[in-house]
Each structure stands twice: as C-alpha cells, then as structure tokens.
Protein backbone atom coordinates (compact mmCIF):
# COMPACT_ATOMS: atom_id res chain seq x y z
CA MET A 1 57.91 -37.82 39.32
CA ALA A 2 54.09 -37.23 38.63
CA VAL A 3 52.75 -39.55 36.09
CA GLY A 4 49.24 -38.76 34.33
CA PRO A 5 46.88 -41.47 33.03
CA GLU A 6 48.04 -44.07 30.84
CA LEU A 7 47.17 -43.90 27.10
CA THR A 8 45.29 -46.68 25.60
CA PRO A 9 46.97 -48.62 22.68
CA SER A 10 43.81 -47.53 20.47
CA SER A 11 44.55 -43.89 21.06
CA PRO A 12 46.11 -41.78 18.30
CA GLU A 13 48.80 -40.32 20.56
CA TYR A 14 49.74 -43.78 21.76
CA GLN A 15 49.89 -45.01 17.95
CA TRP A 16 51.99 -42.22 16.94
CA VAL A 17 54.76 -42.93 19.67
CA GLN A 18 54.53 -46.69 18.77
CA SER A 19 55.32 -45.76 15.20
CA VAL A 20 58.12 -43.67 15.99
CA ILE A 21 59.59 -46.33 18.12
CA GLN A 22 59.10 -48.98 15.51
CA SER A 23 60.61 -46.71 12.88
CA VAL A 24 63.91 -46.08 14.92
CA GLU A 25 64.10 -49.92 15.50
CA ARG A 26 63.98 -50.68 11.69
CA ARG A 27 66.22 -48.13 10.96
CA THR A 28 68.86 -48.96 13.47
CA GLY A 29 68.46 -52.75 13.61
CA THR A 30 68.34 -52.41 17.36
CA TRP A 31 65.56 -53.33 19.56
CA SER A 32 64.39 -50.66 22.17
CA ARG A 33 63.65 -51.04 25.85
CA TRP A 34 60.21 -49.57 25.57
CA ASN A 35 57.78 -51.11 27.92
CA GLY A 36 54.87 -50.28 25.95
CA ARG A 37 53.41 -47.81 28.11
CA VAL A 38 52.59 -44.09 27.30
CA TYR A 39 51.27 -41.60 29.97
CA GLU A 40 49.87 -38.24 29.65
CA GLU A 41 51.88 -35.34 31.03
CA PRO A 42 49.93 -33.90 33.90
CA ASN A 43 51.99 -30.71 34.24
CA PRO A 44 51.40 -28.18 31.38
CA LYS A 45 55.10 -26.95 32.20
CA TYR A 46 56.37 -29.98 30.48
CA LEU A 47 54.18 -30.29 27.48
CA GLY A 48 56.03 -31.49 24.42
CA THR A 49 58.81 -33.19 26.40
CA ALA A 50 59.81 -36.96 26.40
C-alpha cells in the first residue's frame, strides 16, 4: 500500500477529517482508534476513498 505525504494538523483537509471523527465520537459516545495521522492519496485512481 503506497502512502503519500502526511498532512499537517493545520491543513484544511486534516481539520476536516478531525472534525468528522470528533463528531462521530460525540454522537456515538465511543472513542475512535484514529492515530491522528492523515496522508495524501498518491494514486489518482483512488481519489475520494477512505
């Protein structure tokens, strides 16, 4: 599995992912196992996937 560059916490993309995860945690009352890392997808074939 190829991994692109890691996004910085100040990037809008990182902040969006973080807000989604925090919202799910609040709504479900369950902590995620997210490691706090977000990477760019290097392969355009997989853009928009998670």
